[in-house]
Amino acid sequence: MAIRKTYARLWVDDLDASLSSLRPLVGAEPDLRFAFDEIELAAIGDFLVIAGPPEERARYGHGSATVIVDDLDAVVAGLTASGGEITTPEATSPTGRYLYARHAGGAEVEYVEWVPELVDRIIGSRAVRR
């Protein structure tokens, strides 16, 4: 299992306002922007910006980071073998398969295995091929 990208999560009230201040800092446009349930997300640089009503954002607030991996099944095997547990079972989103897991030390992380199109577009030649 290889980590392809890690995003710091930014919880905001207004996605457009947040992106307008992040664009000059990052020096790029968002790689992704999509809605999921009642929240809106945008990936820009190494930030995953999450906007929506506070009660909806709270549903996802238990994850301290979003980690993009090349093999979600290998993540599950490795985490459970080292005393971790899956806290939100695998599901799908517009970006691919994801789950939340709590590590043995207590950190909870969202792990995502992107669809191949995103890997090619965002990671490109740095992608690990299996």
C-alpha atoms as a PDB file:
ATOM      1  CA  MET A   1       0.000   0.000   0.000  1.00  0.00           C
ATOM      2  CA  ALA A   2       1.310   3.432  -0.922  1.00  0.00           C
ATOM      3  CA  ILE A   3       0.054   6.839   0.124  1.00  0.00           C
ATOM      4  CA  ARG A   4      -0.495   8.978  -2.974  1.00  0.00           C
ATOM      5  CA  LYS A   5      -1.534  12.260  -1.339  1.00  0.00           C
ATOM      6  CA  THR A   6      -2.560  13.605   2.045  1.00  0.00           C
ATOM      7  CA  TYR A   7      -4.979  16.473   2.549  1.00  0.00           C
ATOM      8  CA  ALA A   8      -5.306  18.723   5.577  1.00  0.00           C
ATOM      9  CA  ARG A   9      -9.000  19.367   6.202  1.00  0.00           C
ATOM     10  CA  LEU A  10     -10.328  22.916   6.355  1.00  0.00           C
ATOM     11  CA  TRP A  11     -13.862  23.289   7.714  1.00  0.00           C
ATOM     12  CA  VAL A  12     -15.516  26.437   6.349  1.00  0.00           C
ATOM     13  CA  ASP A  13     -18.881  28.145   6.153  1.00  0.00           C
ATOM     14  CA  ASP A  14     -18.438  29.456   2.602  1.00  0.00           C
ATOM     15  CA  LEU A  15     -16.533  27.392   0.021  1.00  0.00           C
ATOM     16  CA  ASP A  16     -16.229  30.164  -2.581  1.00  0.00           C
ATOM     17  CA  ALA A  17     -14.884  32.680  -0.065  1.00  0.00           C
ATOM     18  CA  SER A  18     -12.370  30.155   1.217  1.00  0.00           C
ATOM     19  CA  LEU A  19     -11.204  29.227  -2.273  1.00  0.00           C
ATOM     20  CA  SER A  20     -10.706  32.878  -3.201  1.00  0.00           C
ATOM     21  CA  SER A  21      -8.154  33.221  -0.390  1.00  0.00           C
ATOM     22  CA  LEU A  22      -6.513  29.840  -1.027  1.00  0.00           C
ATOM     23  CA  ARG A  23      -5.972  30.259  -4.789  1.00  0.00           C
ATOM     24  CA  PRO A  24      -3.185  32.854  -4.420  1.00  0.00           C
ATOM     25  CA  LEU A  25      -1.613  30.976  -1.497  1.00  0.00           C
ATOM     26  CA  VAL A  26      -1.536  27.668  -3.345  1.00  0.00           C
ATOM     27  CA  GLY A  27      -0.928  29.181  -6.774  1.00  0.00           C
ATOM     28  CA  ALA A  28      -3.476  26.922  -8.453  1.00  0.00           C
ATOM     29  CA  GLU A  29      -7.120  26.268  -9.092  1.00  0.00           C
ATOM     30  CA  PRO A  30      -8.902  23.425  -7.254  1.00  0.00           C
ATOM     31  CA  ASP A  31      -8.159  19.927  -8.565  1.00  0.00           C
ATOM     32  CA  LEU A  32     -11.605  18.767  -7.470  1.00  0.00           C
ATOM     33  CA  ARG A  33     -14.894  20.315  -6.552  1.00  0.00           C
ATOM     34  CA  PHE A  34     -18.030  18.301  -5.861  1.00  0.00           C
ATOM     35  CA  ALA A  35     -21.048  17.914  -3.621  1.00  0.00           C
ATOM     36  CA  PHE A  36     -21.503  14.935  -1.322  1.00  0.00           C
ATOM     37  CA  ASP A  37     -24.667  14.585   0.729  1.00  0.00           C
ATOM     38  CA  GLU A  38     -25.304  18.132   1.957  1.00  0.00           C
ATOM     39  CA  ILE A  39     -21.718  19.344   1.928  1.00  0.00           C
ATOM     40  CA  GLU A  40     -19.476  20.774  -0.769  1.00  0.00           C
ATOM     41  CA  LEU A  41     -15.825  19.843  -1.080  1.00  0.00           C
ATOM     42  CA  ALA A  42     -12.886  21.221  -3.004  1.00  0.00           C
ATOM     43  CA  ALA A  43      -9.325  19.936  -3.136  1.00  0.00           C
ATOM     44  CA  ILE A  44      -6.778  22.670  -3.716  1.00  0.00           C
ATOM     45  CA  GLY A  45      -3.078  22.093  -3.182  1.00  0.00           C
ATOM     46  CA  ASP A  46      -2.811  19.985  -0.039  1.00  0.00           C
ATOM     47  CA  PHE A  47      -6.102  21.212   1.438  1.00  0.00           C
ATOM     48  CA  LEU A  48      -9.506  19.551   1.353  1.00  0.00           C
ATOM     49  CA  VAL A  49     -11.971  22.379   1.956  1.00  0.00           C
ATOM     50  CA  ILE A  50     -15.298  21.198   3.361  1.00  0.00           C
ATOM     51  CA  ALA A  51     -18.318  23.518   3.506  1.00  0.00           C
ATOM     52  CA  GLY A  52     -21.921  23.133   4.490  1.00  0.00           C
ATOM     53  CA  PRO A  53     -24.237  23.425   7.445  1.00  0.00           C
ATOM     54  CA  PRO A  54     -22.394  22.819  10.744  1.00  0.00           C
ATOM     55  CA  GLU A  55     -24.549  19.786  11.579  1.00  0.00           C
ATOM     56  CA  GLU A  56     -23.657  18.181   8.246  1.00  0.00           C
ATOM     57  CA  ARG A  57     -19.943  18.974   8.565  1.00  0.00           C
ATOM     58  CA  ALA A  58     -20.018  17.390  12.014  1.00  0.00           C
ATOM     59  CA  ARG A  59     -20.904  14.031  10.431  1.00  0.00           C
ATOM     60  CA  TYR A  60     -17.390  13.970   8.911  1.00  0.00           C
ATOM     61  CA  GLY A  61     -15.469  15.853  11.595  1.00  0.00           C
ATOM     62  CA  HIS A  62     -14.089  12.755  13.302  1.00  0.00           C
ATOM     63  CA  GLY A  63     -11.439  12.337  10.586  1.00  0.00           C
ATOM     64  CA  SER A  64      -8.277  14.349  11.199  1.00  0.00           C
ATOM     65  CA  ALA A  65      -7.064  14.055   7.578  1.00  0.00           C
ATOM     66  CA  THR A  66      -7.933  12.593   4.199  1.00  0.00           C
ATOM     67  CA  VAL A  67      -5.332  10.199   2.848  1.00  0.00           C
ATOM     68  CA  ILE A  68      -5.392   9.031  -0.774  1.00  0.00           C
ATOM     69  CA  VAL A  69      -4.040   5.491  -1.116  1.00  0.00           C
ATOM     70  CA  ASP A  70      -3.416   3.112  -3.980  1.00  0.00           C
ATOM     71  CA  ASP A  71      -5.055   0.072  -2.316  1.00  0.00           C
ATOM     72  CA  LEU A  72      -7.867   0.479   0.215  1.00  0.00           C
ATOM     73  CA  ASP A  73      -7.994  -3.259   0.929  1.00  0.00           C
ATOM     74  CA  ALA A  74      -4.332  -3.219   1.934  1.00  0.00           C
ATOM     75  CA  VAL A  75      -5.031  -0.297   4.282  1.00  0.00           C
ATOM     76  CA  VAL A  76      -7.746  -2.301   6.021  1.00  0.00           C
ATOM     77  CA  ALA A  77      -5.490  -5.335   6.353  1.00  0.00           C
ATOM     78  CA  GLY A  78      -2.593  -3.297   7.720  1.00  0.00           C
ATOM     79  CA  LEU A  79      -4.647  -1.257  10.160  1.00  0.00           C
ATOM     80  CA  THR A  80      -6.573  -4.181  11.590  1.00  0.00           C
ATOM     81  CA  ALA A  81      -3.378  -6.243  11.903  1.00  0.00           C
ATOM     82  CA  SER A  82      -1.832  -3.444  13.969  1.00  0.00           C
ATOM     83  CA  GLY A  83      -4.810  -3.002  16.310  1.00  0.00           C
ATOM     84  CA  GLY A  84      -6.757  -0.390  14.365  1.00  0.00           C
ATOM     85  CA  GLU A  85     -10.453  -0.586  13.554  1.00  0.00           C
ATOM     86  CA  ILE A  86     -12.755   0.498  10.772  1.00  0.00           C
ATOM     87  CA  THR A  87     -15.167   3.073  12.206  1.00  0.00           C
ATOM     88  CA  THR A  88     -17.134   3.875   9.034  1.00  0.00           C
ATOM     89  CA  PRO A  89     -17.435   0.965   6.612  1.00  0.00           C
ATOM     90  CA  GLU A  90     -16.365   1.231   3.014  1.00  0.00           C
ATOM     91  CA  ALA A  91     -18.642   3.278   0.787  1.00  0.00           C
ATOM     92  CA  THR A  92     -18.342   5.108  -2.505  1.00  0.00           C
ATOM     93  CA  SER A  93     -18.330   8.764  -3.453  1.00  0.00           C
ATOM     94  CA  PRO A  94     -17.736  10.619  -6.719  1.00  0.00           C
ATOM     95  CA  THR A  95     -13.980  10.190  -6.137  1.00  0.00           C
ATOM     96  CA  GLY A  96     -13.874   6.445  -5.422  1.00  0.00           C
ATOM     97  CA  ARG A  97     -13.985   4.051  -2.467  1.00  0.00           C
ATOM     98  CA  TYR A  98     -13.472   5.395   1.054  1.00  0.00           C
ATOM     99  CA  LEU A  99     -13.709   4.482   4.723  1.00  0.00           C
ATOM    100  CA  TYR A 100     -12.800   5.883   8.115  1.00  0.00           C
ATOM    101  CA  ALA A 101     -10.431   4.037  10.410  1.00  0.00           C
ATOM    102  CA  ARG A 102      -9.155   4.583  13.945  1.00  0.00           C
ATOM    103  CA  HIS A 103      -5.500   3.735  14.425  1.00  0.00           C
ATOM    104  CA  ALA A 104      -4.352   1.848  17.500  1.00  0.00           C
ATOM    105  CA  GLY A 105      -3.074   5.137  18.969  1.00  0.00           C
ATOM    106  CA  GLY A 106      -6.495   6.790  18.563  1.00  0.00           C
ATOM    107  CA  ALA A 107      -6.119   8.941  15.424  1.00  0.00           C
ATOM    108  CA  GLU A 108      -9.055   8.652  13.050  1.00  0.00           C
ATOM    109  CA  VAL A 109      -8.428   9.124   9.326  1.00  0.00           C
ATOM    110  CA  GLU A 110     -10.454   8.996   6.128  1.00  0.00           C
ATOM    111  CA  TYR A 111      -8.779   6.747   3.545  1.00  0.00           C
ATOM    112  CA  VAL A 112      -9.771   7.056  -0.114  1.00  0.00           C
ATOM    113  CA  GLU A 113      -8.856   4.965  -3.148  1.00  0.00           C
ATOM    114  CA  TRP A 114      -9.459   7.303  -6.059  1.00  0.00           C
ATOM    115  CA  VAL A 115     -10.968   6.262  -9.366  1.00  0.00           C
ATOM    116  CA  PRO A 116      -8.235   5.866 -12.037  1.00  0.00           C
ATOM    117  CA  GLU A 117      -9.240   9.059 -13.857  1.00  0.00           C
ATOM    118  CA  LEU A 118      -8.471  11.171 -10.772  1.00  0.00           C
ATOM    119  CA  VAL A 119      -5.174   9.415 -10.179  1.00  0.00           C
ATOM    120  CA  ASP A 120      -4.127  10.147 -13.749  1.00  0.00           C
ATOM    121  CA  ARG A 121      -5.318  13.766 -13.702  1.00  0.00           C
ATOM    122  CA  ILE A 122      -4.136  14.825 -10.229  1.00  0.00           C
ATOM    123  CA  ILE A 123      -1.223  12.545  -9.388  1.00  0.00           C
ATOM    124  CA  GLY A 124      -0.136  11.838 -12.967  1.00  0.00           C
ATOM    125  CA  SER A 125       3.281  10.336 -13.469  1.00  0.00           C
ATOM    126  CA  ARG A 126       3.905  10.143  -9.695  1.00  0.00           C
ATOM    127  CA  ALA A 127       1.187   7.463  -9.419  1.00  0.00           C
ATOM    128  CA  VAL A 128       2.205   4.025  -8.270  1.00  0.00           C
ATOM    129  CA  ARG A 129       0.827   1.439 -10.680  1.00  0.00           C
ATOM    130  CA  ARG A 130      -0.231  -2.005  -9.437  1.00  0.00           C
END
